[in-house]
């Protein structure tokens, strides 16, 4: 039974014995990893001009991409697909909502997020767990300010302005505390999502009559007394 055969290396033409499964799987064969890397380098170095199917711009492709590359950029790829491909394969094709329908959907979503039962079910489906900084802050608040209860995983079913505050004052005062991770709430990670920034959170809560205090992860790591004083000043301010 034939189990393999000899083939020339794709770079140095040296004969190398290859099993049948390898012959069926790969189009090009090499006698060593070094020859494979040299072949890849050679392919990437020798480029040929090709015309973009969408904008007509000439761009360079490697010999390996000569038969497959059709567009100079992802933008041209999406633009061409939106014009020529119909049905489910094209995300731009099909029926679109009117502005009135979009407004009604938005109002319906806002109404749902004001319903505690809906919030509990939604957050429960996310299987969200308190983060390490949130657990640290929860212990600190229970010790010094027990009126603030944890709500970050939706256990209380409280949402305000479409947001789920981490800690809520249950003594009747409209006050919330948000725990910010140094990485996940940095400007580099947030990008243009202004609602996730410290000022954005405060503005959203202020717009519905709530006061918001933001505590950063680095503040908990360095000095707990500073955090306690910060919360105490927040409560004292009316």
Foldseek 3Di string as FASTA:
>chain_A
DDFWDWFAAPAPGDIDIDGPVVVVPDPGHHPDVVRVVVVVVVQVVDWDWDAAPQPRDIDIDGPVCPVPDRHPDVVSVLVVCCVPPEDPVRPNHDDDDDPVVVVVVVVVVVVLLQDLVSLLVVLVVVVDDDDPLLVLVQVLCCVQPVQWDACQSSPRSDDALNHTAGIARNPPAQETEHEAEPPCADCVNCPPVQCSHPVNVQVRSVVVPHGYHYDYSVVSVPDVVVVSVVVVVVVVPD
